[in-house]
PDB file of N, CA and C in Angstrom:
ATOM      1  N   ALA A   1     -13.791   7.002  -6.622  1.00  0.00           N
ATOM      2  CA  ALA A   1     -12.748   7.476  -5.720  1.00  0.00           C
ATOM      3  C   ALA A   1     -12.969   6.896  -4.330  1.00  0.00           C
ATOM      4  N   GLU A   2     -11.890   6.528  -3.698  1.00  0.00           N
ATOM      5  CA  GLU A   2     -11.971   5.976  -2.346  1.00  0.00           C
ATOM      6  C   GLU A   2     -12.148   7.085  -1.326  1.00  0.00           C
ATOM      7  N   ASP A   3     -12.716   6.701  -0.190  1.00  0.00           N
ATOM      8  CA  ASP A   3     -12.818   7.645   0.916  1.00  0.00           C
ATOM      9  C   ASP A   3     -11.441   7.869   1.516  1.00  0.00           C
ATOM     10  N   VAL A   4     -11.172   9.097   1.864  1.00  0.00           N
ATOM     11  CA  VAL A   4      -9.910   9.444   2.516  1.00  0.00           C
ATOM     12  C   VAL A   4     -10.205   9.622   3.994  1.00  0.00           C
ATOM     13  N   GLY A   5      -9.369   9.063   4.833  1.00  0.00           N
ATOM     14  CA  GLY A   5      -9.567   9.171   6.272  1.00  0.00           C
ATOM     15  C   GLY A   5      -9.415  10.595   6.772  1.00  0.00           C
ATOM     16  N   VAL A   6     -10.109  10.889   7.844  1.00  0.00           N
ATOM     17  CA  VAL A   6     -10.077  12.228   8.433  1.00  0.00           C
ATOM     18  C   VAL A   6      -8.684  12.569   8.956  1.00  0.00           C
ATOM     19  N   LEU A   7      -7.986  11.585   9.465  1.00  0.00           N
ATOM     20  CA  LEU A   7      -6.662  11.816  10.050  1.00  0.00           C
ATOM     21  C   LEU A   7      -5.544  11.826   9.014  1.00  0.00           C
ATOM     22  N   SER A   8      -5.884  11.759   7.771  1.00  0.00           N
ATOM     23  CA  SER A   8      -4.885  11.696   6.707  1.00  0.00           C
ATOM     24  C   SER A   8      -3.851  12.818   6.764  1.00  0.00           C
ATOM     25  N   PRO A   9      -4.240  14.077   7.017  1.00  0.00           N
ATOM     26  CA  PRO A   9      -3.237  15.155   7.021  1.00  0.00           C
ATOM     27  C   PRO A   9      -2.198  15.041   8.152  1.00  0.00           C
ATOM     28  N   ILE A  10      -2.559  14.422   9.265  1.00  0.00           N
ATOM     29  CA  ILE A  10      -1.625  14.350  10.393  1.00  0.00           C
ATOM     30  C   ILE A  10      -1.116  12.935  10.641  1.00  0.00           C
ATOM     31  N   ALA A  11      -1.546  11.978   9.846  1.00  0.00           N
ATOM     32  CA  ALA A  11      -1.192  10.579  10.075  1.00  0.00           C
ATOM     33  C   ALA A  11       0.319  10.348  10.040  1.00  0.00           C
ATOM     34  N   VAL A  12       1.001  10.974   9.110  1.00  0.00           N
ATOM     35  CA  VAL A  12       2.455  10.781   8.996  1.00  0.00           C
ATOM     36  C   VAL A  12       3.160  11.239  10.266  1.00  0.00           C
ATOM     37  N   ARG A  13       2.778  12.397  10.773  1.00  0.00           N
ATOM     38  CA  ARG A  13       3.418  12.917  11.987  1.00  0.00           C
ATOM     39  C   ARG A  13       3.200  11.994  13.176  1.00  0.00           C
ATOM     40  N   VAL A  14       1.965  11.532  13.350  1.00  0.00           N
ATOM     41  CA  VAL A  14       1.641  10.685  14.496  1.00  0.00           C
ATOM     42  C   VAL A  14       2.357   9.340  14.391  1.00  0.00           C
ATOM     43  N   VAL A  15       2.265   8.710  13.241  1.00  0.00           N
ATOM     44  CA  VAL A  15       2.866   7.384  13.066  1.00  0.00           C
ATOM     45  C   VAL A  15       4.381   7.445  13.230  1.00  0.00           C
ATOM     46  N   MET A  16       5.027   8.438  12.675  1.00  0.00           N
ATOM     47  CA  MET A  16       6.483   8.515  12.765  1.00  0.00           C
ATOM     48  C   MET A  16       6.958   8.830  14.190  1.00  0.00           C
ATOM     49  N   LYS A  17       6.216   9.632  14.927  1.00  0.00           N
ATOM     50  CA  LYS A  17       6.589   9.898  16.321  1.00  0.00           C
ATOM     51  C   LYS A  17       6.467   8.635  17.161  1.00  0.00           C
ATOM     52  N   VAL A  18       5.406   7.879  16.950  1.00  0.00           N
ATOM     53  CA  VAL A  18       5.233   6.628  17.697  1.00  0.00           C
ATOM     54  C   VAL A  18       6.265   5.606  17.241  1.00  0.00           C
ATOM     55  N   PHE A  19       6.592   5.600  15.951  1.00  0.00           N
ATOM     56  CA  PHE A  19       7.612   4.691  15.432  1.00  0.00           C
ATOM     57  C   PHE A  19       8.958   4.946  16.113  1.00  0.00           C
ATOM     58  N   TYR A  20       9.335   6.213  16.256  1.00  0.00           N
ATOM     59  CA  TYR A  20      10.596   6.569  16.909  1.00  0.00           C
ATOM     60  C   TYR A  20      10.602   6.115  18.363  1.00  0.00           C
ATOM     61  N   ALA A  21       9.527   6.367  19.073  1.00  0.00           N
ATOM     62  CA  ALA A  21       9.441   5.954  20.478  1.00  0.00           C
ATOM     63  C   ALA A  21       9.457   4.440  20.606  1.00  0.00           C
ATOM     64  N   ALA A  22       8.827   3.756  19.689  1.00  0.00           N
ATOM     65  CA  ALA A  22       8.798   2.296  19.739  1.00  0.00           C
ATOM     66  C   ALA A  22      10.184   1.699  19.508  1.00  0.00           C
ATOM     67  N   ARG A  23      10.959   2.311  18.623  1.00  0.00           N
ATOM     68  CA  ARG A  23      12.310   1.797  18.393  1.00  0.00           C
ATOM     69  C   ARG A  23      13.175   1.948  19.632  1.00  0.00           C
ATOM     70  N   LEU A  24      12.940   2.980  20.418  1.00  0.00           N
ATOM     71  CA  LEU A  24      13.753   3.209  21.603  1.00  0.00           C
ATOM     72  C   LEU A  24      13.325   2.355  22.789  1.00  0.00           C
ATOM     73  N   ALA A  25      12.015   2.249  23.036  1.00  0.00           N
ATOM     74  CA  ALA A  25      11.594   1.643  24.300  1.00  0.00           C
ATOM     75  C   ALA A  25      10.416   0.686  24.202  1.00  0.00           C
ATOM     76  N   ARG A  26       9.746   0.566  23.070  1.00  0.00           N
ATOM     77  CA  ARG A  26       8.541  -0.264  22.979  1.00  0.00           C
ATOM     78  C   ARG A  26       8.565  -1.165  21.751  1.00  0.00           C
ATOM     79  N   PRO A  27       9.404  -2.194  21.730  1.00  0.00           N
ATOM     80  CA  PRO A  27       9.469  -3.053  20.543  1.00  0.00           C
ATOM     81  C   PRO A  27       8.175  -3.828  20.285  1.00  0.00           C
ATOM     82  N   ASP A  28       7.285  -3.915  21.270  1.00  0.00           N
ATOM     83  CA  ASP A  28       6.015  -4.603  21.055  1.00  0.00           C
ATOM     84  C   ASP A  28       5.114  -3.854  20.081  1.00  0.00           C
ATOM     85  N   LEU A  29       5.377  -2.584  19.840  1.00  0.00           N
ATOM     86  CA  LEU A  29       4.551  -1.768  18.952  1.00  0.00           C
ATOM     87  C   LEU A  29       5.057  -1.738  17.509  1.00  0.00           C
ATOM     88  N   LEU A  30       6.259  -2.218  17.267  1.00  0.00           N
ATOM     89  CA  LEU A  30       6.874  -2.049  15.954  1.00  0.00           C
ATOM     90  C   LEU A  30       6.074  -2.676  14.821  1.00  0.00           C
ATOM     91  N   ARG A  31       5.542  -3.858  15.031  1.00  0.00           N
ATOM     92  CA  ARG A  31       4.803  -4.529  13.958  1.00  0.00           C
ATOM     93  C   ARG A  31       3.517  -3.779  13.612  1.00  0.00           C
ATOM     94  N   ALA A  32       2.793  -3.342  14.622  1.00  0.00           N
ATOM     95  CA  ALA A  32       1.540  -2.618  14.380  1.00  0.00           C
ATOM     96  C   ALA A  32       1.800  -1.280  13.693  1.00  0.00           C
ATOM     97  N   ILE A  33       2.829  -0.577  14.116  1.00  0.00           N
ATOM     98  CA  ILE A  33       3.141   0.716  13.512  1.00  0.00           C
ATOM     99  C   ILE A  33       3.664   0.528  12.090  1.00  0.00           C
ATOM    100  N   GLY A  34       4.455  -0.499  11.895  1.00  0.00           N
ATOM    101  CA  GLY A  34       4.952  -0.788  10.548  1.00  0.00           C
ATOM    102  C   GLY A  34       3.825  -1.090   9.578  1.00  0.00           C
ATOM    103  N   ALA A  35       2.810  -1.785  10.052  1.00  0.00           N
ATOM    104  CA  ALA A  35       1.653  -2.083   9.196  1.00  0.00           C
ATOM    105  C   ALA A  35       0.904  -0.803   8.839  1.00  0.00           C
ATOM    106  N   LEU A  36       0.750   0.093   9.803  1.00  0.00           N
ATOM    107  CA  LEU A  36       0.090   1.369   9.515  1.00  0.00           C
ATOM    108  C   LEU A  36       0.929   2.239   8.580  1.00  0.00           C
ATOM    109  N   ALA A  37       2.237   2.178   8.729  1.00  0.00           N
ATOM    110  CA  ALA A  37       3.115   3.002   7.896  1.00  0.00           C
ATOM    111  C   ALA A  37       3.000   2.630   6.418  1.00  0.00           C
ATOM    112  N   CYS A  38       2.619   1.413   6.125  1.00  0.00           N
ATOM    113  CA  CYS A  38       2.446   0.992   4.734  1.00  0.00           C
ATOM    114  C   CYS A  38       1.272   1.698   4.063  1.00  0.00           C
ATOM    115  N   PHE A  39       0.350   2.238   4.846  1.00  0.00           N
ATOM    116  CA  PHE A  39      -0.850   2.860   4.292  1.00  0.00           C
ATOM    117  C   PHE A  39      -0.811   4.388   4.325  1.00  0.00           C
ATOM    118  N   LEU A  40       0.333   4.983   4.583  1.00  0.00           N
ATOM    119  CA  LEU A  40       0.394   6.441   4.700  1.00  0.00           C
ATOM    120  C   LEU A  40       0.043   7.153   3.396  1.00  0.00           C
ATOM    121  N   THR A  41       0.318   6.563   2.263  1.00  0.00           N
ATOM    122  CA  THR A  41       0.014   7.218   0.995  1.00  0.00           C
ATOM    123  C   THR A  41      -1.418   6.975   0.535  1.00  0.00           C
ATOM    124  N   ARG A  42      -2.090   6.001   1.116  1.00  0.00           N
ATOM    125  CA  ARG A  42      -3.478   5.716   0.755  1.00  0.00           C
ATOM    126  C   ARG A  42      -4.311   5.512   2.021  1.00  0.00           C
ATOM    127  N   TRP A  43      -4.386   6.530   2.827  1.00  0.00           N
ATOM    128  CA  TRP A  43      -5.044   6.512   4.133  1.00  0.00           C
ATOM    129  C   TRP A  43      -6.557   6.399   3.968  1.00  0.00           C
ATOM    130  N   THR A  44      -7.174   5.480   4.697  1.00  0.00           N
ATOM    131  CA  THR A  44      -8.619   5.238   4.601  1.00  0.00           C
ATOM    132  C   THR A  44      -9.260   5.373   5.978  1.00  0.00           C
ATOM    133  N   PRO A  45     -10.576   5.368   6.044  1.00  0.00           N
ATOM    134  CA  PRO A  45     -11.248   5.389   7.351  1.00  0.00           C
ATOM    135  C   PRO A  45     -10.885   4.185   8.225  1.00  0.00           C
ATOM    136  N   LEU A  46     -10.589   3.042   7.619  1.00  0.00           N
ATOM    137  CA  LEU A  46     -10.150   1.880   8.401  1.00  0.00           C
ATOM    138  C   LEU A  46      -8.818   2.173   9.089  1.00  0.00           C
ATOM    139  N   CYS A  47      -7.943   2.883   8.402  1.00  0.00           N
ATOM    140  CA  CYS A  47      -6.660   3.274   8.996  1.00  0.00           C
ATOM    141  C   CYS A  47      -6.883   4.213  10.176  1.00  0.00           C
ATOM    142  N   ASN A  48      -7.888   5.096  10.080  1.00  0.00           N
ATOM    143  CA  ASN A  48      -8.232   5.966  11.208  1.00  0.00           C
ATOM    144  C   ASN A  48      -8.562   5.136  12.434  1.00  0.00           C
ATOM    145  N   ARG A  49      -9.388   4.118  12.253  1.00  0.00           N
ATOM    146  CA  ARG A  49      -9.772   3.268  13.382  1.00  0.00           C
ATOM    147  C   ARG A  49      -8.577   2.516  13.943  1.00  0.00           C
ATOM    148  N   ARG A  50      -7.721   2.021  13.060  1.00  0.00           N
ATOM    149  CA  ARG A  50      -6.533   1.286  13.524  1.00  0.00           C
ATOM    150  C   ARG A  50      -5.575   2.199  14.291  1.00  0.00           C
ATOM    151  N   LEU A  51      -5.395   3.422  13.816  1.00  0.00           N
ATOM    152  CA  LEU A  51      -4.528   4.373  14.517  1.00  0.00           C
ATOM    153  C   LEU A  51      -5.119   4.732  15.874  1.00  0.00           C
ATOM    154  N   HIS A  52      -6.408   4.928  15.930  1.00  0.00           N
ATOM    155  CA  HIS A  52      -7.064   5.234  17.202  1.00  0.00           C
ATOM    156  C   HIS A  52      -6.907   4.068  18.175  1.00  0.00           C
ATOM    157  N   GLN A  53      -7.080   2.863  17.687  1.00  0.00           N
ATOM    158  CA  GLN A  53      -6.922   1.673  18.524  1.00  0.00           C
ATOM    159  C   GLN A  53      -5.486   1.573  19.036  1.00  0.00           C
ATOM    160  N   LEU A  54      -4.533   1.824  18.186  1.00  0.00           N
ATOM    161  CA  LEU A  54      -3.124   1.775  18.577  1.00  0.00           C
ATOM    162  C   LEU A  54      -2.808   2.825  19.633  1.00  0.00           C
ATOM    163  N   MET A  55      -3.297   4.046  19.435  1.00  0.00           N
ATOM    164  CA  MET A  55      -3.024   5.107  20.398  1.00  0.00           C
ATOM    165  C   MET A  55      -3.708   4.832  21.737  1.00  0.00           C
ATOM    166  N   CYS A  56      -4.875   4.219  21.732  1.00  0.00           N
ATOM    167  CA  CYS A  56      -5.532   3.824  22.989  1.00  0.00           C
ATOM    168  C   CYS A  56      -4.700   2.777  23.713  1.00  0.00           C
ATOM    169  N   TYR A  57      -4.128   1.836  22.960  1.00  0.00           N
ATOM    170  CA  TYR A  57      -3.272   0.822  23.559  1.00  0.00           C
ATOM    171  C   TYR A  57      -2.019   1.455  24.154  1.00  0.00           C
ATOM    172  N   VAL A  58      -1.416   2.373  23.438  1.00  0.00           N
ATOM    173  CA  VAL A  58      -0.215   3.059  23.938  1.00  0.00           C
ATOM    174  C   VAL A  58      -0.538   3.823  25.217  1.00  0.00           C
ATOM    175  N   ALA A  59      -1.671   4.498  25.238  1.00  0.00           N
ATOM    176  CA  ALA A  59      -2.059   5.265  26.420  1.00  0.00           C
ATOM    177  C   ALA A  59      -2.348   4.350  27.611  1.00  0.00           C
ATOM    178  N   ALA A  60      -2.902   3.176  27.350  1.00  0.00           N
ATOM    179  CA  ALA A  60      -3.244   2.258  28.432  1.00  0.00           C
ATOM    180  C   ALA A  60      -2.022   1.516  28.982  1.00  0.00           C
ATOM    181  N   THR A  61      -0.946   1.462  28.206  1.00  0.00           N
ATOM    182  CA  THR A  61       0.233   0.708  28.625  1.00  0.00           C
ATOM    183  C   THR A  61       1.461   1.605  28.716  1.00  0.00           C
ATOM    184  N   LYS A  62       1.299   2.778  29.252  1.00  0.00           N
ATOM    185  CA  LYS A  62       2.425   3.721  29.370  1.00  0.00           C
ATOM    186  C   LYS A  62       3.561   3.178  30.228  1.00  0.00           C
ATOM    187  N   SER A  63       3.244   2.345  31.179  1.00  0.00           N
ATOM    188  CA  SER A  63       4.282   1.859  32.089  1.00  0.00           C
ATOM    189  C   SER A  63       5.146   0.756  31.486  1.00  0.00           C
ATOM    190  N   HIS A  64       4.774   0.215  30.335  1.00  0.00           N
ATOM    191  CA  HIS A  64       5.581  -0.827  29.693  1.00  0.00           C
ATOM    192  C   HIS A  64       6.771  -0.191  29.005  1.00  0.00           C
ATOM    193  N   LYS A  65       7.970  -0.672  29.340  1.00  0.00           N
ATOM    194  CA  LYS A  65       9.184  -0.132  28.756  1.00  0.00           C
ATOM    195  C   LYS A  65      10.194  -1.248  28.576  1.00  0.00           C
ATOM    196  N   LEU A  66      11.122  -1.071  27.685  1.00  0.00           N
ATOM    197  CA  LEU A  66      12.218  -1.983  27.494  1.00  0.00           C
ATOM    198  C   LEU A  66      13.381  -1.501  28.363  1.00  0.00           C
ATOM    199  N   HIS A  67      13.875  -2.367  29.212  1.00  0.00           N
ATOM    200  CA  HIS A  67      15.032  -2.033  30.039  1.00  0.00           C
ATOM    201  C   HIS A  67      16.198  -2.875  29.587  1.00  0.00           C
ATOM    202  N   GLY A  68      17.335  -2.247  29.384  1.00  0.00           N
ATOM    203  CA  GLY A  68      18.474  -3.025  28.925  1.00  0.00           C
ATOM    204  C   GLY A  68      19.769  -2.513  29.485  1.00  0.00           C
TER     205      GLY A  68
END
């Protein structure tokens, strides 16, 4: 049996909320979030690290927005 990531129970909520925000104002995040969304049914510890890295990037670049 594979290891299941610790964030597995809340991963769907976090990824989908960031996905919605990215569609509205942060198109630079769409590819990274889309890649994580592919692993929602088989979440691993590597996915935990990738989600943490993504959220750190989002927090560090809060001022980046799409203006149209």
